[in-house]
PDB file of all heavy atoms in Angstrom:
ATOM      1  N   LEU A   1      52.539  73.796 -64.499  1.00  0.00           N
ATOM      2  CA  LEU A   1      53.672  74.450 -63.806  1.00  0.00           C
ATOM      3  C   LEU A   1      53.161  75.416 -62.662  1.00  0.00           C
ATOM      4  O   LEU A   1      52.430  76.330 -62.948  1.00  0.00           O
ATOM      5  CB  LEU A   1      54.555  75.205 -64.769  1.00  0.00           C
ATOM      6  CG  LEU A   1      55.675  75.924 -64.116  1.00  0.00           C
ATOM      7  CD1 LEU A   1      56.727  74.925 -63.468  1.00  0.00           C
ATOM      8  CD2 LEU A   1      56.417  76.824 -65.055  1.00  0.00           C
ATOM      9  N   VAL A   2      53.325  75.108 -61.517  1.00  0.00           N
ATOM     10  CA  VAL A   2      52.932  75.826 -60.349  1.00  0.00           C
ATOM     11  C   VAL A   2      54.084  76.636 -59.701  1.00  0.00           C
ATOM     12  O   VAL A   2      55.186  76.236 -59.669  1.00  0.00           O
ATOM     13  CB  VAL A   2      52.275  74.922 -59.271  1.00  0.00           C
ATOM     14  CG1 VAL A   2      51.710  75.789 -58.057  1.00  0.00           C
ATOM     15  CG2 VAL A   2      51.143  74.137 -59.810  1.00  0.00           C
ATOM     16  N   SER A   3      53.794  77.973 -59.407  1.00  0.00           N
ATOM     17  CA  SER A   3      54.807  78.710 -58.759  1.00  0.00           C
ATOM     18  C   SER A   3      55.414  78.057 -57.616  1.00  0.00           C
ATOM     19  O   SER A   3      54.801  77.326 -56.827  1.00  0.00           O
ATOM     20  CB  SER A   3      54.050  80.118 -58.312  1.00  0.00           C
ATOM     21  OG  SER A   3      54.986  80.833 -57.566  1.00  0.00           O
ATOM     22  N   ASP A   4      56.655  78.431 -57.229  1.00  0.00           N
ATOM     23  CA  ASP A   4      57.393  77.941 -56.037  1.00  0.00           C
ATOM     24  C   ASP A   4      56.697  78.398 -54.775  1.00  0.00           C
ATOM     25  O   ASP A   4      56.813  77.606 -53.832  1.00  0.00           O
ATOM     26  CB  ASP A   4      58.792  78.501 -56.085  1.00  0.00           C
ATOM     27  CG  ASP A   4      59.524  77.982 -57.240  1.00  0.00           C
ATOM     28  OD1 ASP A   4      59.622  76.762 -57.568  1.00  0.00           O
ATOM     29  OD2 ASP A   4      60.386  78.851 -57.742  1.00  0.00           O
ATOM     30  N   VAL A   5      55.832  79.433 -54.798  1.00  0.00           N
ATOM     31  CA  VAL A   5      55.215  79.694 -53.602  1.00  0.00           C
ATOM     32  C   VAL A   5      53.820  79.006 -53.544  1.00  0.00           C
ATOM     33  O   VAL A   5      53.058  79.333 -52.507  1.00  0.00           O
ATOM     34  CB  VAL A   5      55.024  81.316 -53.399  1.00  0.00           C
ATOM     35  CG1 VAL A   5      56.406  81.968 -53.396  1.00  0.00           C
ATOM     36  CG2 VAL A   5      54.191  81.866 -54.597  1.00  0.00           C
ATOM     37  N   GLY A   6      53.324  78.306 -54.546  1.00  0.00           N
ATOM     38  CA  GLY A   6      52.124  77.754 -54.565  1.00  0.00           C
ATOM     39  C   GLY A   6      51.014  78.485 -55.261  1.00  0.00           C
ATOM     40  O   GLY A   6      51.379  79.564 -55.955  1.00  0.00           O
ATOM     41  N   ALA A   7      49.842  77.988 -55.246  1.00  0.00           N
ATOM     42  CA  ALA A   7      48.685  78.613 -55.961  1.00  0.00           C
ATOM     43  C   ALA A   7      47.463  78.796 -55.010  1.00  0.00           C
ATOM     44  O   ALA A   7      47.120  77.931 -54.347  1.00  0.00           O
ATOM     45  CB  ALA A   7      48.342  77.741 -57.155  1.00  0.00           C
ATOM     46  N   PRO A   8      46.844  80.035 -55.050  1.00  0.00           N
ATOM     47  CA  PRO A   8      45.678  80.196 -54.211  1.00  0.00           C
ATOM     48  C   PRO A   8      44.402  79.403 -54.809  1.00  0.00           C
ATOM     49  O   PRO A   8      44.521  79.052 -55.977  1.00  0.00           O
ATOM     50  CB  PRO A   8      45.481  81.618 -54.286  1.00  0.00           C
ATOM     51  CG  PRO A   8      46.073  82.149 -55.609  1.00  0.00           C
ATOM     52  CD  PRO A   8      47.233  81.136 -55.775  1.00  0.00           C
ATOM     53  N   GLY A   9      43.298  79.357 -54.076  1.00  0.00           N
ATOM     54  CA  GLY A   9      42.267  78.854 -54.534  1.00  0.00           C
ATOM     55  C   GLY A   9      42.054  77.231 -54.431  1.00  0.00           C
ATOM     56  O   GLY A   9      42.834  76.649 -53.643  1.00  0.00           O
ATOM     57  N   LEU A  10      41.242  76.709 -55.329  1.00  0.00           N
ATOM     58  CA  LEU A  10      40.845  75.248 -55.302  1.00  0.00           C
ATOM     59  C   LEU A  10      41.161  74.555 -56.480  1.00  0.00           C
ATOM     60  O   LEU A  10      40.772  75.040 -57.552  1.00  0.00           O
ATOM     61  CB  LEU A  10      39.453  75.118 -54.912  1.00  0.00           C
ATOM     62  CG  LEU A  10      38.918  73.641 -54.598  1.00  0.00           C
ATOM     63  CD1 LEU A  10      37.970  73.581 -53.498  1.00  0.00           C
ATOM     64  CD2 LEU A  10      38.238  73.101 -55.919  1.00  0.00           C
ATOM     65  N   ALA A  11      41.967  73.480 -56.424  1.00  0.00           N
ATOM     66  CA  ALA A  11      42.192  72.635 -57.567  1.00  0.00           C
ATOM     67  C   ALA A  11      41.095  71.554 -57.539  1.00  0.00           C
ATOM     68  O   ALA A  11      41.157  70.684 -56.575  1.00  0.00           O
ATOM     69  CB  ALA A  11      43.684  72.065 -57.549  1.00  0.00           C
ATOM     70  N   LEU A  12      40.393  71.431 -58.685  1.00  0.00           N
ATOM     71  CA  LEU A  12      39.424  70.366 -58.762  1.00  0.00           C
ATOM     72  C   LEU A  12      39.980  69.250 -59.600  1.00  0.00           C
ATOM     73  O   LEU A  12      40.310  69.463 -60.628  1.00  0.00           O
ATOM     74  CB  LEU A  12      38.108  70.952 -59.416  1.00  0.00           C
ATOM     75  CG  LEU A  12      36.943  69.933 -59.574  1.00  0.00           C
ATOM     76  CD1 LEU A  12      36.193  69.664 -58.332  1.00  0.00           C
ATOM     77  CD2 LEU A  12      36.011  70.546 -60.582  1.00  0.00           C
ATOM     78  N   GLN A  13      39.898  68.063 -59.037  1.00  0.00           N
ATOM     79  CA  GLN A  13      40.530  66.875 -59.674  1.00  0.00           C
ATOM     80  C   GLN A  13      39.353  65.792 -59.768  1.00  0.00           C
ATOM     81  O   GLN A  13      38.888  65.283 -58.736  1.00  0.00           O
ATOM     82  CB  GLN A  13      41.701  66.293 -58.956  1.00  0.00           C
ATOM     83  CG  GLN A  13      42.430  65.341 -59.841  1.00  0.00           C
ATOM     84  CD  GLN A  13      43.815  65.054 -59.267  1.00  0.00           C
ATOM     85  OE1 GLN A  13      43.967  64.809 -58.082  1.00  0.00           O
ATOM     86  NE2 GLN A  13      44.843  64.779 -60.183  1.00  0.00           N
ATOM     87  N   LEU A  14      38.959  65.552 -60.996  1.00  0.00           N
ATOM     88  CA  LEU A  14      37.843  64.576 -61.178  1.00  0.00           C
ATOM     89  C   LEU A  14      38.523  63.250 -61.413  1.00  0.00           C
ATOM     90  O   LEU A  14      38.509  62.652 -62.539  1.00  0.00           O
ATOM     91  CB  LEU A  14      36.983  64.973 -62.460  1.00  0.00           C
ATOM     92  CG  LEU A  14      36.264  66.304 -62.275  1.00  0.00           C
ATOM     93  CD1 LEU A  14      35.580  66.705 -63.508  1.00  0.00           C
ATOM     94  CD2 LEU A  14      35.563  66.464 -61.026  1.00  0.00           C
ATOM     95  N   CYS A  15      38.978  62.636 -60.421  1.00  0.00           N
ATOM     96  CA  CYS A  15      39.797  61.452 -60.366  1.00  0.00           C
ATOM     97  C   CYS A  15      39.174  60.164 -59.680  1.00  0.00           C
ATOM     98  O   CYS A  15      39.630  58.964 -59.736  1.00  0.00           O
ATOM     99  CB  CYS A  15      41.268  61.580 -60.025  1.00  0.00           C
ATOM    100  SG  CYS A  15      41.174  62.062 -58.278  1.00  0.00           S
ATOM    101  N   GLU A  16      37.935  60.487 -59.106  1.00  0.00           N
ATOM    102  CA  GLU A  16      37.254  59.299 -58.330  1.00  0.00           C
ATOM    103  C   GLU A  16      36.579  58.432 -59.474  1.00  0.00           C
ATOM    104  O   GLU A  16      36.330  58.725 -60.532  1.00  0.00           O
ATOM    105  CB  GLU A  16      36.254  60.039 -57.342  1.00  0.00           C
ATOM    106  CG  GLU A  16      36.921  60.670 -56.242  1.00  0.00           C
ATOM    107  CD  GLU A  16      37.744  59.681 -55.310  1.00  0.00           C
ATOM    108  OE1 GLU A  16      37.216  58.628 -55.004  1.00  0.00           O
ATOM    109  OE2 GLU A  16      38.957  60.166 -54.985  1.00  0.00           O
ATOM    110  N   PRO A  17      36.056  57.252 -59.060  1.00  0.00           N
ATOM    111  CA  PRO A  17      35.466  56.274 -60.089  1.00  0.00           C
ATOM    112  C   PRO A  17      34.393  56.719 -60.818  1.00  0.00           C
ATOM    113  O   PRO A  17      34.300  56.446 -61.868  1.00  0.00           O
ATOM    114  CB  PRO A  17      35.113  55.187 -59.050  1.00  0.00           C
ATOM    115  CG  PRO A  17      36.107  55.120 -57.977  1.00  0.00           C
ATOM    116  CD  PRO A  17      36.430  56.590 -57.696  1.00  0.00           C
ATOM    117  N   ALA A  18      33.626  57.741 -60.142  1.00  0.00           N
ATOM    118  CA  ALA A  18      32.363  58.260 -60.833  1.00  0.00           C
ATOM    119  C   ALA A  18      32.763  58.997 -62.140  1.00  0.00           C
ATOM    120  O   ALA A  18      32.065  59.111 -62.971  1.00  0.00           O
ATOM    121  CB  ALA A  18      31.592  59.155 -59.956  1.00  0.00           C
ATOM    122  N   PHE A  19      33.973  59.405 -62.181  1.00  0.00           N
ATOM    123  CA  PHE A  19      34.450  60.184 -63.420  1.00  0.00           C
ATOM    124  C   PHE A  19      35.564  59.681 -64.172  1.00  0.00           C
ATOM    125  O   PHE A  19      36.035  60.229 -65.055  1.00  0.00           O
ATOM    126  CB  PHE A  19      35.086  61.603 -62.786  1.00  0.00           C
ATOM    127  CG  PHE A  19      34.077  62.486 -62.056  1.00  0.00           C
ATOM    128  CD1 PHE A  19      34.075  62.482 -60.748  1.00  0.00           C
ATOM    129  CD2 PHE A  19      33.067  63.110 -62.774  1.00  0.00           C
ATOM    130  CE1 PHE A  19      33.235  63.242 -60.050  1.00  0.00           C
ATOM    131  CE2 PHE A  19      32.214  64.036 -62.075  1.00  0.00           C
ATOM    132  CZ  PHE A  19      32.178  64.018 -60.680  1.00  0.00           C
ATOM    133  N   CYS A  20      35.639  58.321 -63.998  1.00  0.00           N
ATOM    134  CA  CYS A  20      36.946  57.615 -64.665  1.00  0.00           C
ATOM    135  C   CYS A  20      36.451  56.440 -65.504  1.00  0.00           C
ATOM    136  O   CYS A  20      37.287  55.677 -66.110  1.00  0.00           O
ATOM    137  CB  CYS A  20      37.871  57.237 -63.736  1.00  0.00           C
ATOM    138  SG  CYS A  20      38.791  58.628 -63.037  1.00  0.00           S
ATOM    139  N   GLY A  21      35.074  56.204 -65.570  1.00  0.00           N
ATOM    140  CA  GLY A  21      34.656  54.954 -66.383  1.00  0.00           C
ATOM    141  C   GLY A  21      34.583  55.173 -67.768  1.00  0.00           C
ATOM    142  O   GLY A  21      34.757  56.253 -68.435  1.00  0.00           O
ATOM    143  N   ILE A  22      34.761  54.033 -68.641  1.00  0.00           N
ATOM    144  CA  ILE A  22      34.723  54.004 -69.948  1.00  0.00           C
ATOM    145  C   ILE A  22      33.652  52.964 -70.355  1.00  0.00           C
ATOM    146  O   ILE A  22      33.860  51.821 -70.052  1.00  0.00           O
ATOM    147  CB  ILE A  22      36.058  53.723 -70.538  1.00  0.00           C
ATOM    148  CG1 ILE A  22      37.057  54.839 -70.302  1.00  0.00           C
ATOM    149  CG2 ILE A  22      35.865  53.537 -72.270  1.00  0.00           C
ATOM    150  CD1 ILE A  22      38.468  54.507 -70.859  1.00  0.00           C
ATOM    151  N   GLU A  23      32.612  53.362 -71.145  1.00  0.00           N
ATOM    152  CA  GLU A  23      31.572  52.445 -71.497  1.00  0.00           C
ATOM    153  C   GLU A  23      31.472  52.316 -73.072  1.00  0.00           C
ATOM    154  O   GLU A  23      31.357  53.464 -73.584  1.00  0.00           O
ATOM    155  CB  GLU A  23      30.259  52.839 -70.912  1.00  0.00           C
ATOM    156  CG  GLU A  23      30.173  52.774 -69.385  1.00  0.00           C
ATOM    157  CD  GLU A  23      28.909  53.158 -68.895  1.00  0.00           C
ATOM    158  OE1 GLU A  23      27.971  53.289 -69.650  1.00  0.00           O
ATOM    159  OE2 GLU A  23      28.748  53.294 -67.581  1.00  0.00           O
ATOM    160  N   VAL A  24      31.570  51.207 -73.607  1.00  0.00           N
ATOM    161  CA  VAL A  24      31.486  50.997 -75.152  1.00  0.00           C
ATOM    162  C   VAL A  24      30.197  50.359 -75.383  1.00  0.00           C
ATOM    163  O   VAL A  24      29.675  49.340 -74.910  1.00  0.00           O
ATOM    164  CB  VAL A  24      32.656  50.105 -75.558  1.00  0.00           C
ATOM    165  CG1 VAL A  24      32.466  49.786 -77.101  1.00  0.00           C
ATOM    166  CG2 VAL A  24      33.929  50.743 -75.196  1.00  0.00           C
ATOM    167  N   SER A  25      29.410  51.054 -76.310  1.00  0.00           N
ATOM    168  CA  SER A  25      28.219  50.479 -76.954  1.00  0.00           C
ATOM    169  C   SER A  25      28.266  50.864 -78.400  1.00  0.00           C
ATOM    170  O   SER A  25      27.836  51.825 -78.843  1.00  0.00           O
ATOM    171  CB  SER A  25      27.057  51.178 -76.415  1.00  0.00           C
ATOM    172  OG  SER A  25      25.714  50.721 -76.878  1.00  0.00           O
ATOM    173  N   SER A  26      29.022  50.144 -79.248  1.00  0.00           N
ATOM    174  CA  SER A  26      29.406  50.447 -80.684  1.00  0.00           C
ATOM    175  C   SER A  26      28.167  51.001 -81.395  1.00  0.00           C
ATOM    176  O   SER A  26      27.107  50.516 -81.373  1.00  0.00           O
ATOM    177  CB  SER A  26      29.873  49.047 -81.223  1.00  0.00           C
ATOM    178  OG  SER A  26      30.292  49.311 -82.636  1.00  0.00           O
ATOM    179  N   PRO A  27      28.464  52.084 -82.146  1.00  0.00           N
ATOM    180  CA  PRO A  27      29.809  52.742 -82.544  1.00  0.00           C
ATOM    181  C   PRO A  27      30.153  53.857 -81.371  1.00  0.00           C
ATOM    182  O   PRO A  27      31.087  54.663 -81.686  1.00  0.00           O
ATOM    183  CB  PRO A  27      29.551  53.222 -83.779  1.00  0.00           C
ATOM    184  CG  PRO A  27      28.135  53.694 -83.796  1.00  0.00           C
ATOM    185  CD  PRO A  27      27.455  52.745 -82.934  1.00  0.00           C
ATOM    186  N   TYR A  28      29.482  53.880 -80.461  1.00  0.00           N
ATOM    187  CA  TYR A  28      29.635  54.908 -79.303  1.00  0.00           C
ATOM    188  C   TYR A  28      30.558  54.378 -78.235  1.00  0.00           C
ATOM    189  O   TYR A  28      30.504  53.215 -77.812  1.00  0.00           O
ATOM    190  CB  TYR A  28      28.336  55.423 -78.748  1.00  0.00           C
ATOM    191  CG  TYR A  28      27.482  55.896 -79.715  1.00  0.00           C
ATOM    192  CD1 TYR A  28      26.390  55.321 -80.284  1.00  0.00           C
ATOM    193  CD2 TYR A  28      27.728  57.323 -80.146  1.00  0.00           C
ATOM    194  CE1 TYR A  28      25.512  55.913 -81.214  1.00  0.00           C
ATOM    195  CE2 TYR A  28      26.826  57.904 -81.120  1.00  0.00           C
ATOM    196  CZ  TYR A  28      25.741  57.165 -81.676  1.00  0.00           C
ATOM    197  OH  TYR A  28      24.847  57.744 -82.582  1.00  0.00           O
ATOM    198  N   VAL A  29      31.442  55.326 -77.614  1.00  0.00           N
ATOM    199  CA  VAL A  29      32.088  55.126 -76.382  1.00  0.00           C
ATOM    200  C   VAL A  29      31.822  56.265 -75.547  1.00  0.00           C
ATOM    201  O   VAL A  29      32.028  57.432 -76.069  1.00  0.00           O
ATOM    202  CB  VAL A  29      33.559  54.758 -76.513  1.00  0.00           C
ATOM    203  CG1 VAL A  29      34.243  55.826 -77.367  1.00  0.00           C
ATOM    204  CG2 VAL A  29      34.286  54.524 -75.242  1.00  0.00           C
ATOM    205  N   THR A  30      31.535  56.059 -74.250  1.00  0.00           N
ATOM    206  CA  THR A  30      31.348  57.204 -73.339  1.00  0.00           C
ATOM    207  C   THR A  30      32.432  57.162 -72.205  1.00  0.00           C
ATOM    208  O   THR A  30      32.671  56.066 -71.704  1.00  0.00           O
ATOM    209  CB  THR A  30      29.976  57.177 -72.640  1.00  0.00           C
ATOM    210  OG1 THR A  30      28.947  57.267 -73.670  1.00  0.00           O
ATOM    211  CG2 THR A  30      29.802  58.343 -71.662  1.00  0.00           C
ATOM    212  N   ALA A  31      33.172  58.266 -72.104  1.00  0.00           N
ATOM    213  CA  ALA A  31      34.242  58.220 -71.063  1.00  0.00           C
ATOM    214  C   ALA A  31      34.048  59.421 -70.037  1.00  0.00           C
ATOM    215  O   ALA A  31      33.713  60.504 -70.382  1.00  0.00           O
ATOM    216  CB  ALA A  31      35.566  58.395 -71.754  1.00  0.00           C
ATOM    217  N   GLY A  32      34.326  59.135 -68.797  1.00  0.00           N
ATOM    218  CA  GLY A  32      34.327  60.171 -67.784  1.00  0.00           C
ATOM    219  C   GLY A  32      35.540  61.130 -67.965  1.00  0.00           C
ATOM    220  O   GLY A  32      36.548  60.808 -68.642  1.00  0.00           O
ATOM    221  N   ALA A  33      35.374  62.314 -67.473  1.00  0.00           N
ATOM    222  CA  ALA A  33      36.362  63.296 -67.637  1.00  0.00           C
ATOM    223  C   ALA A  33      37.800  62.945 -67.095  1.00  0.00           C
ATOM    224  O   ALA A  33      38.813  63.373 -67.546  1.00  0.00           O
ATOM    225  CB  ALA A  33      35.935  64.584 -66.804  1.00  0.00           C
ATOM    226  N   GLY A  34      37.758  62.194 -66.018  1.00  0.00           N
ATOM    227  CA  GLY A  34      39.139  61.714 -65.448  1.00  0.00           C
ATOM    228  C   GLY A  34      39.744  60.498 -66.096  1.00  0.00           C
ATOM    229  O   GLY A  34      40.897  60.044 -65.634  1.00  0.00           O
ATOM    230  N   ALA A  35      39.085  59.862 -67.096  1.00  0.00           N
ATOM    231  CA  ALA A  35      39.627  58.614 -67.585  1.00  0.00           C
ATOM    232  C   ALA A  35      40.985  59.184 -68.543  1.00  0.00           C
ATOM    233  O   ALA A  35      40.929  60.273 -69.070  1.00  0.00           O
ATOM    234  CB  ALA A  35      38.757  58.089 -68.713  1.00  0.00           C
ATOM    235  N   LYS A  36      41.892  58.457 -68.356  1.00  0.00           N
ATOM    236  CA  LYS A  36      43.211  58.688 -69.090  1.00  0.00           C
ATOM    237  C   LYS A  36      43.073  58.556 -70.662  1.00  0.00           C
ATOM    238  O   LYS A  36      42.459  57.728 -71.149  1.00  0.00           O
ATOM    239  CB  LYS A  36      44.403  57.911 -68.570  1.00  0.00           C
ATOM    240  CG  LYS A  36      44.619  58.061 -67.078  1.00  0.00           C
ATOM    241  CD  LYS A  36      45.152  59.485 -66.738  1.00  0.00           C
ATOM    242  CE  LYS A  36      45.448  59.597 -65.320  1.00  0.00           C
ATOM    243  NZ  LYS A  36      46.632  58.745 -64.788  1.00  0.00           N
ATOM    244  N   LEU A  37      43.631  59.417 -71.398  1.00  0.00           N
ATOM    245  CA  LEU A  37      43.593  59.342 -72.839  1.00  0.00           C
ATOM    246  C   LEU A  37      44.118  57.894 -73.392  1.00  0.00           C
ATOM    247  O   LEU A  37      43.593  57.335 -74.313  1.00  0.00           O
ATOM    248  CB  LEU A  37      44.280  60.492 -73.544  1.00  0.00           C
ATOM    249  CG  LEU A  37      43.740  61.881 -73.378  1.00  0.00           C
ATOM    250  CD1 LEU A  37      44.519  62.990 -74.063  1.00  0.00           C
ATOM    251  CD2 LEU A  37      42.217  61.956 -73.998  1.00  0.00           C
ATOM    252  N   GLY A  38      45.197  57.563 -72.829  1.00  0.00           N
ATOM    253  CA  GLY A  38      45.818  56.375 -73.198  1.00  0.00           C
ATOM    254  C   GLY A  38      44.901  55.133 -72.977  1.00  0.00           C
ATOM    255  O   GLY A  38      44.818  54.196 -73.848  1.00  0.00           O
TER     256      GLY A  38
END
């Protein structure tokens, strides 16, 4: 929830492909920070 006047500073969003991959190598799975939980 952001104030109506906005927020100062920088919002970092790790949503580019480098941070959204999911790799499975049973029994392990590696996921980037931006991958959705669903």
